[in-house]
Amino acid sequence: MYMSTDTLALIGSGLGGLLTLGIAMFAGFAWVIRRIDTVEQKLGARIDRVEQNQAEFRTSVEHELTEVKVAIARIEGPRPRLILER
């Protein structure tokens, strides 16, 4: 079968263009996925740090609140009894 040089050049150029486009798309998607993973790791670390700070804050507030309750109870004194002793 006879093909002219122009036809072979056209087929070769088309295949080369498709191959280049495919490689470029693959590299672009790989870059995007790698970038998203990096951002997700950084964001996850920040979220973990915030949750840790919230837990520390919560425990310190609960401790302080308990101390305030005890102090108020000491200021108020013991509760009056309903039945008085004779």
PDB file of N, CA and C in Angstrom:
ATOM      1  N   MET A   1       0.849  -1.164   0.000  1.00  0.00           N
ATOM      2  CA  MET A   1       0.000   0.000   0.000  1.00  0.00           C
ATOM      3  C   MET A   1       0.899   1.233   0.000  1.00  0.00           C
ATOM      4  N   TYR A   2       0.551   2.161  -0.815  1.00  0.00           N
ATOM      5  CA  TYR A   2       1.376   3.343  -0.990  1.00  0.00           C
ATOM      6  C   TYR A   2       0.747   4.513  -0.243  1.00  0.00           C
ATOM      7  N   MET A   3       1.569   5.229   0.595  1.00  0.00           N
ATOM      8  CA  MET A   3       1.122   6.444   1.267  1.00  0.00           C
ATOM      9  C   MET A   3       2.122   7.544   0.943  1.00  0.00           C
ATOM     10  N   SER A   4       1.573   8.693   0.731  1.00  0.00           N
ATOM     11  CA  SER A   4       2.461   9.798   0.415  1.00  0.00           C
ATOM     12  C   SER A   4       3.153  10.304   1.686  1.00  0.00           C
ATOM     13  N   THR A   5       4.207  11.025   1.520  1.00  0.00           N
ATOM     14  CA  THR A   5       4.957  11.589   2.640  1.00  0.00           C
ATOM     15  C   THR A   5       4.093  12.560   3.412  1.00  0.00           C
ATOM     16  N   ASP A   6       3.268  13.299   2.729  1.00  0.00           N
ATOM     17  CA  ASP A   6       2.382  14.257   3.393  1.00  0.00           C
ATOM     18  C   ASP A   6       1.403  13.541   4.326  1.00  0.00           C
ATOM     19  N   THR A   7       0.857  12.422   3.893  1.00  0.00           N
ATOM     20  CA  THR A   7      -0.095  11.668   4.717  1.00  0.00           C
ATOM     21  C   THR A   7       0.602  11.102   5.948  1.00  0.00           C
ATOM     22  N   LEU A   8       1.793  10.543   5.756  1.00  0.00           N
ATOM     23  CA  LEU A   8       2.543  10.011   6.900  1.00  0.00           C
ATOM     24  C   LEU A   8       2.906  11.124   7.884  1.00  0.00           C
ATOM     25  N   ALA A   9       3.284  12.284   7.361  1.00  0.00           N
ATOM     26  CA  ALA A   9       3.622  13.404   8.226  1.00  0.00           C
ATOM     27  C   ALA A   9       2.394  13.869   9.002  1.00  0.00           C
ATOM     28  N   LEU A  10       1.243  13.882   8.357  1.00  0.00           N
ATOM     29  CA  LEU A  10       0.005  14.291   9.023  1.00  0.00           C
ATOM     30  C   LEU A  10      -0.375  13.308  10.127  1.00  0.00           C
ATOM     31  N   ILE A  11      -0.275  12.021   9.867  1.00  0.00           N
ATOM     32  CA  ILE A  11      -0.603  10.999  10.875  1.00  0.00           C
ATOM     33  C   ILE A  11       0.394  11.075  12.029  1.00  0.00           C
ATOM     34  N   GLY A  12       1.685  11.219  11.690  1.00  0.00           N
ATOM     35  CA  GLY A  12       2.714  11.331  12.736  1.00  0.00           C
ATOM     36  C   GLY A  12       2.521  12.571  13.588  1.00  0.00           C
ATOM     37  N   SER A  13       2.187  13.675  12.970  1.00  0.00           N
ATOM     38  CA  SER A  13       1.960  14.912  13.718  1.00  0.00           C
ATOM     39  C   SER A  13       0.746  14.789  14.630  1.00  0.00           C
ATOM     40  N   GLY A  14      -0.301  14.157  14.115  1.00  0.00           N
ATOM     41  CA  GLY A  14      -1.513  13.956  14.932  1.00  0.00           C
ATOM     42  C   GLY A  14      -1.233  13.080  16.138  1.00  0.00           C
ATOM     43  N   LEU A  15      -0.527  11.960  15.919  1.00  0.00           N
ATOM     44  CA  LEU A  15      -0.191  11.069  17.040  1.00  0.00           C
ATOM     45  C   LEU A  15       0.743  11.766  18.038  1.00  0.00           C
ATOM     46  N   GLY A  16       1.704  12.515  17.528  1.00  0.00           N
ATOM     47  CA  GLY A  16       2.614  13.259  18.408  1.00  0.00           C
ATOM     48  C   GLY A  16       1.878  14.305  19.223  1.00  0.00           C
ATOM     49  N   GLY A  17       0.945  14.995  18.599  1.00  0.00           N
ATOM     50  CA  GLY A  17       0.150  15.989  19.317  1.00  0.00           C
ATOM     51  C   GLY A  17      -0.705  15.348  20.391  1.00  0.00           C
ATOM     52  N   LEU A  18      -1.352  14.228  20.055  1.00  0.00           N
ATOM     53  CA  LEU A  18      -2.164  13.526  21.054  1.00  0.00           C
ATOM     54  C   LEU A  18      -1.311  13.006  22.199  1.00  0.00           C
ATOM     55  N   LEU A  19      -0.133  12.473  21.869  1.00  0.00           N
ATOM     56  CA  LEU A  19       0.763  11.968  22.904  1.00  0.00           C
ATOM     57  C   LEU A  19       1.233  13.114  23.806  1.00  0.00           C
ATOM     58  N   THR A  20       1.593  14.236  23.231  1.00  0.00           N
ATOM     59  CA  THR A  20       2.022  15.397  24.011  1.00  0.00           C
ATOM     60  C   THR A  20       0.890  15.901  24.893  1.00  0.00           C
ATOM     61  N   LEU A  21      -0.308  15.969  24.344  1.00  0.00           N
ATOM     62  CA  LEU A  21      -1.463  16.418  25.115  1.00  0.00           C
ATOM     63  C   LEU A  21      -1.753  15.468  26.275  1.00  0.00           C
ATOM     64  N   GLY A  22      -1.659  14.164  26.018  1.00  0.00           N
ATOM     65  CA  GLY A  22      -1.901  13.172  27.074  1.00  0.00           C
ATOM     66  C   GLY A  22      -0.875  13.272  28.186  1.00  0.00           C
ATOM     67  N   ILE A  23       0.394  13.422  27.826  1.00  0.00           N
ATOM     68  CA  ILE A  23       1.443  13.548  28.838  1.00  0.00           C
ATOM     69  C   ILE A  23       1.254  14.836  29.640  1.00  0.00           C
ATOM     70  N   ALA A  24       0.922  15.917  28.968  1.00  0.00           N
ATOM     71  CA  ALA A  24       0.706  17.184  29.656  1.00  0.00           C
ATOM     72  C   ALA A  24      -0.470  17.097  30.623  1.00  0.00           C
ATOM     73  N   MET A  25      -1.553  16.445  30.213  1.00  0.00           N
ATOM     74  CA  MET A  25      -2.712  16.305  31.097  1.00  0.00           C
ATOM     75  C   MET A  25      -2.358  15.442  32.309  1.00  0.00           C
ATOM     76  N   PHE A  26      -1.630  14.350  32.080  1.00  0.00           N
ATOM     77  CA  PHE A  26      -1.220  13.480  33.179  1.00  0.00           C
ATOM     78  C   PHE A  26      -0.341  14.240  34.166  1.00  0.00           C
ATOM     79  N   ALA A  27       0.638  14.988  33.664  1.00  0.00           N
ATOM     80  CA  ALA A  27       1.528  15.749  34.534  1.00  0.00           C
ATOM     81  C   ALA A  27       0.758  16.828  35.287  1.00  0.00           C
ATOM     82  N   GLY A  28      -0.184  17.475  34.620  1.00  0.00           N
ATOM     83  CA  GLY A  28      -0.989  18.502  35.279  1.00  0.00           C
ATOM     84  C   GLY A  28      -1.845  17.930  36.398  1.00  0.00           C
ATOM     85  N   PHE A  29      -2.492  16.808  36.141  1.00  0.00           N
ATOM     86  CA  PHE A  29      -3.313  16.182  37.181  1.00  0.00           C
ATOM     87  C   PHE A  29      -2.447  15.700  38.340  1.00  0.00           C
ATOM     88  N   ALA A  30      -1.258  15.157  38.046  1.00  0.00           N
ATOM     89  CA  ALA A  30      -0.356  14.704  39.109  1.00  0.00           C
ATOM     90  C   ALA A  30       0.071  15.881  39.970  1.00  0.00           C
ATOM     91  N   TRP A  31       0.363  17.027  39.347  1.00  0.00           N
ATOM     92  CA  TRP A  31       0.754  18.215  40.097  1.00  0.00           C
ATOM     93  C   TRP A  31      -0.380  18.695  40.992  1.00  0.00           C
ATOM     94  N   VAL A  32      -1.596  18.707  40.454  1.00  0.00           N
ATOM     95  CA  VAL A  32      -2.758  19.157  41.232  1.00  0.00           C
ATOM     96  C   VAL A  32      -2.989  18.237  42.428  1.00  0.00           C
ATOM     97  N   ILE A  33      -2.897  16.950  42.213  1.00  0.00           N
ATOM     98  CA  ILE A  33      -3.120  15.996  43.308  1.00  0.00           C
ATOM     99  C   ILE A  33      -2.051  16.164  44.380  1.00  0.00           C
ATOM    100  N   ARG A  34      -0.782  16.314  43.969  1.00  0.00           N
ATOM    101  CA  ARG A  34       0.291  16.512  44.933  1.00  0.00           C
ATOM    102  C   ARG A  34       0.089  17.803  45.713  1.00  0.00           C
ATOM    103  N   ARG A  35      -0.334  18.832  45.029  1.00  0.00           N
ATOM    104  CA  ARG A  35      -0.565  20.135  45.674  1.00  0.00           C
ATOM    105  C   ARG A  35      -1.722  20.039  46.676  1.00  0.00           C
ATOM    106  N   ILE A  36      -2.794  19.373  46.293  1.00  0.00           N
ATOM    107  CA  ILE A  36      -3.946  19.214  47.190  1.00  0.00           C
ATOM    108  C   ILE A  36      -3.545  18.416  48.426  1.00  0.00           C
ATOM    109  N   ASP A  37      -2.742  17.362  48.250  1.00  0.00           N
ATOM    110  CA  ASP A  37      -2.293  16.576  49.401  1.00  0.00           C
ATOM    111  C   ASP A  37      -1.469  17.419  50.364  1.00  0.00           C
ATOM    112  N   THR A  38      -0.601  18.264  49.826  1.00  0.00           N
ATOM    113  CA  THR A  38       0.224  19.129  50.674  1.00  0.00           C
ATOM    114  C   THR A  38      -0.645  20.106  51.456  1.00  0.00           C
ATOM    115  N   VAL A  39      -1.585  20.726  50.782  1.00  0.00           N
ATOM    116  CA  VAL A  39      -2.470  21.686  51.441  1.00  0.00           C
ATOM    117  C   VAL A  39      -3.318  20.983  52.496  1.00  0.00           C
ATOM    118  N   GLU A  40      -3.769  19.769  52.192  1.00  0.00           N
ATOM    119  CA  GLU A  40      -4.598  19.018  53.136  1.00  0.00           C
ATOM    120  C   GLU A  40      -3.811  18.667  54.383  1.00  0.00           C
ATOM    121  N   GLN A  41      -2.533  18.306  54.220  1.00  0.00           N
ATOM    122  CA  GLN A  41      -1.705  17.991  55.386  1.00  0.00           C
ATOM    123  C   GLN A  41      -1.497  19.225  56.259  1.00  0.00           C
ATOM    124  N   LYS A  42      -1.217  20.362  55.633  1.00  0.00           N
ATOM    125  CA  LYS A  42      -1.023  21.596  56.397  1.00  0.00           C
ATOM    126  C   LYS A  42      -2.312  21.990  57.123  1.00  0.00           C
ATOM    127  N   LEU A  43      -3.430  21.890  56.419  1.00  0.00           N
ATOM    128  CA  LEU A  43      -4.714  22.245  57.023  1.00  0.00           C
ATOM    129  C   LEU A  43      -5.063  21.284  58.154  1.00  0.00           C
ATOM    130  N   GLY A  44      -4.798  20.003  57.956  1.00  0.00           N
ATOM    131  CA  GLY A  44      -5.059  19.022  59.005  1.00  0.00           C
ATOM    132  C   GLY A  44      -4.244  19.296  60.250  1.00  0.00           C
ATOM    133  N   ALA A  45      -2.979  19.693  60.064  1.00  0.00           N
ATOM    134  CA  ALA A  45      -2.129  20.017  61.216  1.00  0.00           C
ATOM    135  C   ALA A  45      -2.677  21.237  61.950  1.00  0.00           C
ATOM    136  N   ARG A  46      -3.137  22.242  61.206  1.00  0.00           N
ATOM    137  CA  ARG A  46      -3.691  23.439  61.852  1.00  0.00           C
ATOM    138  C   ARG A  46      -4.963  23.096  62.618  1.00  0.00           C
ATOM    139  N   ILE A  47      -5.809  22.265  62.030  1.00  0.00           N
ATOM    140  CA  ILE A  47      -7.060  21.876  62.698  1.00  0.00           C
ATOM    141  C   ILE A  47      -6.750  21.099  63.976  1.00  0.00           C
ATOM    142  N   ASP A  48      -5.773  20.186  63.909  1.00  0.00           N
ATOM    143  CA  ASP A  48      -5.396  19.424  65.101  1.00  0.00           C
ATOM    144  C   ASP A  48      -4.876  20.349  66.200  1.00  0.00           C
ATOM    145  N   ARG A  49      -4.080  21.359  65.814  1.00  0.00           N
ATOM    146  CA  ARG A  49      -3.553  22.303  66.782  1.00  0.00           C
ATOM    147  C   ARG A  49      -4.681  23.104  67.430  1.00  0.00           C
ATOM    148  N   VAL A  50      -5.667  23.529  66.633  1.00  0.00           N
ATOM    149  CA  VAL A  50      -6.801  24.289  67.164  1.00  0.00           C
ATOM    150  C   VAL A  50      -7.607  23.425  68.126  1.00  0.00           C
ATOM    151  N   GLU A  51      -7.844  22.160  67.748  1.00  0.00           N
ATOM    152  CA  GLU A  51      -8.602  21.266  68.630  1.00  0.00           C
ATOM    153  C   GLU A  51      -7.857  21.029  69.936  1.00  0.00           C
ATOM    154  N   GLN A  52      -6.529  20.916  69.867  1.00  0.00           N
ATOM    155  CA  GLN A  52      -5.739  20.724  71.074  1.00  0.00           C
ATOM    156  C   GLN A  52      -5.829  21.957  71.967  1.00  0.00           C
ATOM    157  N   ASN A  53      -5.739  23.132  71.366  1.00  0.00           N
ATOM    158  CA  ASN A  53      -5.848  24.368  72.150  1.00  0.00           C
ATOM    159  C   ASN A  53      -7.233  24.499  72.775  1.00  0.00           C
ATOM    160  N   GLN A  54      -8.262  24.096  72.040  1.00  0.00           N
ATOM    161  CA  GLN A  54      -9.616  24.160  72.591  1.00  0.00           C
ATOM    162  C   GLN A  54      -9.746  23.219  73.782  1.00  0.00           C
ATOM    163  N   ALA A  55      -9.166  22.029  73.671  1.00  0.00           N
ATOM    164  CA  ALA A  55      -9.251  21.070  74.779  1.00  0.00           C
ATOM    165  C   ALA A  55      -8.511  21.611  76.000  1.00  0.00           C
ATOM    166  N   GLU A  56      -7.330  22.193  75.789  1.00  0.00           N
ATOM    167  CA  GLU A  56      -6.587  22.771  76.912  1.00  0.00           C
ATOM    168  C   GLU A  56      -7.369  23.928  77.529  1.00  0.00           C
ATOM    169  N   PHE A  57      -7.956  24.759  76.691  1.00  0.00           N
ATOM    170  CA  PHE A  57      -8.745  25.883  77.179  1.00  0.00           C
ATOM    171  C   PHE A  57      -9.945  25.390  77.973  1.00  0.00           C
ATOM    172  N   ARG A  58     -10.609  24.368  77.449  1.00  0.00           N
ATOM    173  CA  ARG A  58     -11.790  23.826  78.116  1.00  0.00           C
ATOM    174  C   ARG A  58     -11.439  23.295  79.499  1.00  0.00           C
ATOM    175  N   THR A  59     -10.326  22.547  79.607  1.00  0.00           N
ATOM    176  CA  THR A  59      -9.954  21.998  80.912  1.00  0.00           C
ATOM    177  C   THR A  59      -9.563  23.103  81.881  1.00  0.00           C
ATOM    178  N   SER A  60      -8.875  24.130  81.376  1.00  0.00           N
ATOM    179  CA  SER A  60      -8.496  25.219  82.283  1.00  0.00           C
ATOM    180  C   SER A  60      -9.726  25.999  82.743  1.00  0.00           C
ATOM    181  N   VAL A  61     -10.693  26.200  81.855  1.00  0.00           N
ATOM    182  CA  VAL A  61     -11.922  26.908  82.236  1.00  0.00           C
ATOM    183  C   VAL A  61     -12.719  26.082  83.234  1.00  0.00           C
ATOM    184  N   GLU A  62     -12.799  24.776  83.020  1.00  0.00           N
ATOM    185  CA  GLU A  62     -13.525  23.924  83.961  1.00  0.00           C
ATOM    186  C   GLU A  62     -12.857  23.960  85.335  1.00  0.00           C
ATOM    187  N   HIS A  63     -11.526  23.948  85.362  1.00  0.00           N
ATOM    188  CA  HIS A  63     -10.806  24.005  86.633  1.00  0.00           C
ATOM    189  C   HIS A  63     -11.071  25.329  87.339  1.00  0.00           C
ATOM    190  N   GLU A  64     -10.985  26.427  86.610  1.00  0.00           N
ATOM    191  CA  GLU A  64     -11.237  27.739  87.192  1.00  0.00           C
ATOM    192  C   GLU A  64     -12.682  27.854  87.677  1.00  0.00           C
ATOM    193  N   LEU A  65     -13.620  27.318  86.911  1.00  0.00           N
ATOM    194  CA  LEU A  65     -15.028  27.370  87.299  1.00  0.00           C
ATOM    195  C   LEU A  65     -15.260  26.584  88.584  1.00  0.00           C
ATOM    196  N   THR A  66     -14.606  25.455  88.711  1.00  0.00           N
ATOM    197  CA  THR A  66     -14.730  24.667  89.937  1.00  0.00           C
ATOM    198  C   THR A  66     -14.192  25.451  91.128  1.00  0.00           C
ATOM    199  N   GLU A  67     -13.048  26.120  90.920  1.00  0.00           N
ATOM    200  CA  GLU A  67     -12.485  26.928  92.015  1.00  0.00           C
ATOM    201  C   GLU A  67     -13.420  28.078  92.385  1.00  0.00           C
ATOM    202  N   VAL A  68     -14.057  28.692  91.421  1.00  0.00           N
ATOM    203  CA  VAL A  68     -14.993  29.782  91.695  1.00  0.00           C
ATOM    204  C   VAL A  68     -16.205  29.259  92.460  1.00  0.00           C
ATOM    205  N   LYS A  69     -16.706  28.105  92.076  1.00  0.00           N
ATOM    206  CA  LYS A  69     -17.846  27.515  92.784  1.00  0.00           C
ATOM    207  C   LYS A  69     -17.487  27.236  94.241  1.00  0.00           C
ATOM    208  N   VAL A  70     -16.293  26.708  94.472  1.00  0.00           N
ATOM    209  CA  VAL A  70     -15.866  26.414  95.836  1.00  0.00           C
ATOM    210  C   VAL A  70     -15.728  27.709  96.634  1.00  0.00           C
ATOM    211  N   ALA A  71     -15.159  28.737  96.013  1.00  0.00           N
ATOM    212  CA  ALA A  71     -14.996  30.020  96.703  1.00  0.00           C
ATOM    213  C   ALA A  71     -16.347  30.628  97.051  1.00  0.00           C
ATOM    214  N   ILE A  72     -17.291  30.566  96.136  1.00  0.00           N
ATOM    215  CA  ILE A  72     -18.634  31.102  96.407  1.00  0.00           C
ATOM    216  C   ILE A  72     -19.302  30.317  97.521  1.00  0.00           C
ATOM    217  N   ALA A  73     -19.137  29.011  97.530  1.00  0.00           N
ATOM    218  CA  ALA A  73     -19.726  28.182  98.581  1.00  0.00           C
ATOM    219  C   ALA A  73     -19.123  28.535  99.932  1.00  0.00           C
ATOM    220  N   ARG A  74     -17.835  28.841  99.972  1.00  0.00           N
ATOM    221  CA  ARG A  74     -17.201  29.216 101.235  1.00  0.00           C
ATOM    222  C   ARG A  74     -17.694  30.565 101.723  1.00  0.00           C
ATOM    223  N   ILE A  75     -17.910  31.487 100.785  1.00  0.00           N
ATOM    224  CA  ILE A  75     -18.404  32.813 101.164  1.00  0.00           C
ATOM    225  C   ILE A  75     -19.828  32.719 101.696  1.00  0.00           C
ATOM    226  N   GLU A  76     -20.661  31.929 101.057  1.00  0.00           N
ATOM    227  CA  GLU A  76     -22.058  31.811 101.469  1.00  0.00           C
ATOM    228  C   GLU A  76     -22.192  31.067 102.782  1.00  0.00           C
ATOM    229  N   GLY A  77     -21.285  30.201 103.063  1.00  0.00           N
ATOM    230  CA  GLY A  77     -21.356  29.430 104.298  1.00  0.00           C
ATOM    231  C   GLY A  77     -22.216  28.199 104.110  1.00  0.00           C
ATOM    232  N   PRO A  78     -22.389  27.442 105.198  1.00  0.00           N
ATOM    233  CA  PRO A  78     -23.194  26.218 105.083  1.00  0.00           C
ATOM    234  C   PRO A  78     -24.669  26.551 104.890  1.00  0.00           C
ATOM    235  N   ARG A  79     -25.367  25.658 104.276  1.00  0.00           N
ATOM    236  CA  ARG A  79     -26.801  25.856 104.058  1.00  0.00           C
ATOM    237  C   ARG A  79     -27.550  25.752 105.385  1.00  0.00           C
ATOM    238  N   PRO A  80     -28.545  26.592 105.550  1.00  0.00           N
ATOM    239  CA  PRO A  80     -29.333  26.510 106.796  1.00  0.00           C
ATOM    240  C   PRO A  80     -30.127  25.191 106.823  1.00  0.00           C
ATOM    241  N   ARG A  81     -30.221  24.636 108.009  1.00  0.00           N
ATOM    242  CA  ARG A  81     -30.956  23.371 108.145  1.00  0.00           C
ATOM    243  C   ARG A  81     -32.432  23.666 108.263  1.00  0.00           C
ATOM    244  N   LEU A  82     -33.228  22.728 107.779  1.00  0.00           N
ATOM    245  CA  LEU A  82     -34.679  22.904 107.849  1.00  0.00           C
ATOM    246  C   LEU A  82     -35.193  22.568 109.239  1.00  0.00           C
ATOM    247  N   ILE A  83     -34.589  21.602 109.879  1.00  0.00           N
ATOM    248  CA  ILE A  83     -34.990  21.238 111.238  1.00  0.00           C
ATOM    249  C   ILE A  83     -33.912  21.743 112.193  1.00  0.00           C
ATOM    250  N   LEU A  84     -34.297  22.618 113.080  1.00  0.00           N
ATOM    251  CA  LEU A  84     -33.325  23.173 114.016  1.00  0.00           C
ATOM    252  C   LEU A  84     -33.156  22.232 115.207  1.00  0.00           C
ATOM    253  N   GLU A  85     -31.942  22.146 115.668  1.00  0.00           N
ATOM    254  CA  GLU A  85     -31.662  21.308 116.838  1.00  0.00           C
ATOM    255  C   GLU A  85     -32.016  22.071 118.099  1.00  0.00           C
ATOM    256  N   ARG A  86     -32.422  21.355 119.149  1.00  0.00           N
ATOM    257  CA  ARG A  86     -32.765  22.005 120.415  1.00  0.00           C
ATOM    258  C   ARG A  86     -31.773  21.746 121.433  1.00  0.00           C
TER     259      ARG A  86
END
